[in-house]
Amino acid sequence: MSEPPNNPGQADLTHIDTWLFDLDNTLYPMESGFMGQIEGRMTDYVQKVTGLAREDAYRLQKQYLADYGLTLGGLMAHHGVDPAEFHAIFHDLSLESLARDPRLVAALERLPGRRLIFTNADETHARRVLGRLGLSHLFDEVFHIGSANYLPKPAPETFVRMNALHEIDPAKAAFFEDRADNLKPAFDLGMTTVLVGPHAPASDAPFVRYKTDNLAAFLEDALLDEAA
């Protein structure tokens, strides 16, 4: 298990050689509103599949998210939804609200070792967003919901599957994520956990090793293994 959580001004990440990043609301700011577009499309789809009024569809959407860790999980279990059909509804979303951040690009470029995306979205969505953000060249692989056999974070089995597939040593891995609950399995396996987003500084979750509301600044200041 990782060392006890604390939050010094400068993070010591000299032991890290594998960098895992969530995608949505982590590699771009929550304030962009892009996730609002995703949620809207999702509610449209739940409404179409169930025939419910929009308010009821939204409520069911959130219930499935709570019960299955992913709205898609409930749609597959109770409505026989094809995951490929579901994910296709996001593939033409406008990316106009997402902007390239040169400071973040430079901060990611200085990280030694491998960089991977770990997302509950599908690969097409991940590649579109990375391209828009100018980050495609910085990530070796995308571990997406299909890679996880549609068992989403924070399922511990999905972390084990990812580690095995990419030969990750948890003691040498850092995981950056905007949802605190998704960090617990990583912490339990021995990863260094970093909570990202405007809500992060207020978190007192015992499995959060570091927290930041500015990912670029955090990475700029972190101590790295410069010889790697």
Foldseek 3Di string as FASTA:
>chain_A
DADWADADPAAALALAAEEEEAAPCFLFPPVLCLVVVVLVLQLVVQCVQPVDDSVVSSVLQVVCCVVQVHSVVVCCVPRVDDVVVVLVSCLPDDPVSTAADVLQLVLLVQAHHAYEYEYQHDPSVRCVNCVRNVNNVSHDYYCYCVVQVNRHPPDLVSVVSVCVVVVDQLLRYEYEEQDPRRQVSSLVSNHQYEHEAPCFVVDPPRSHRYYDPDVSVNSVRYHYNNVD
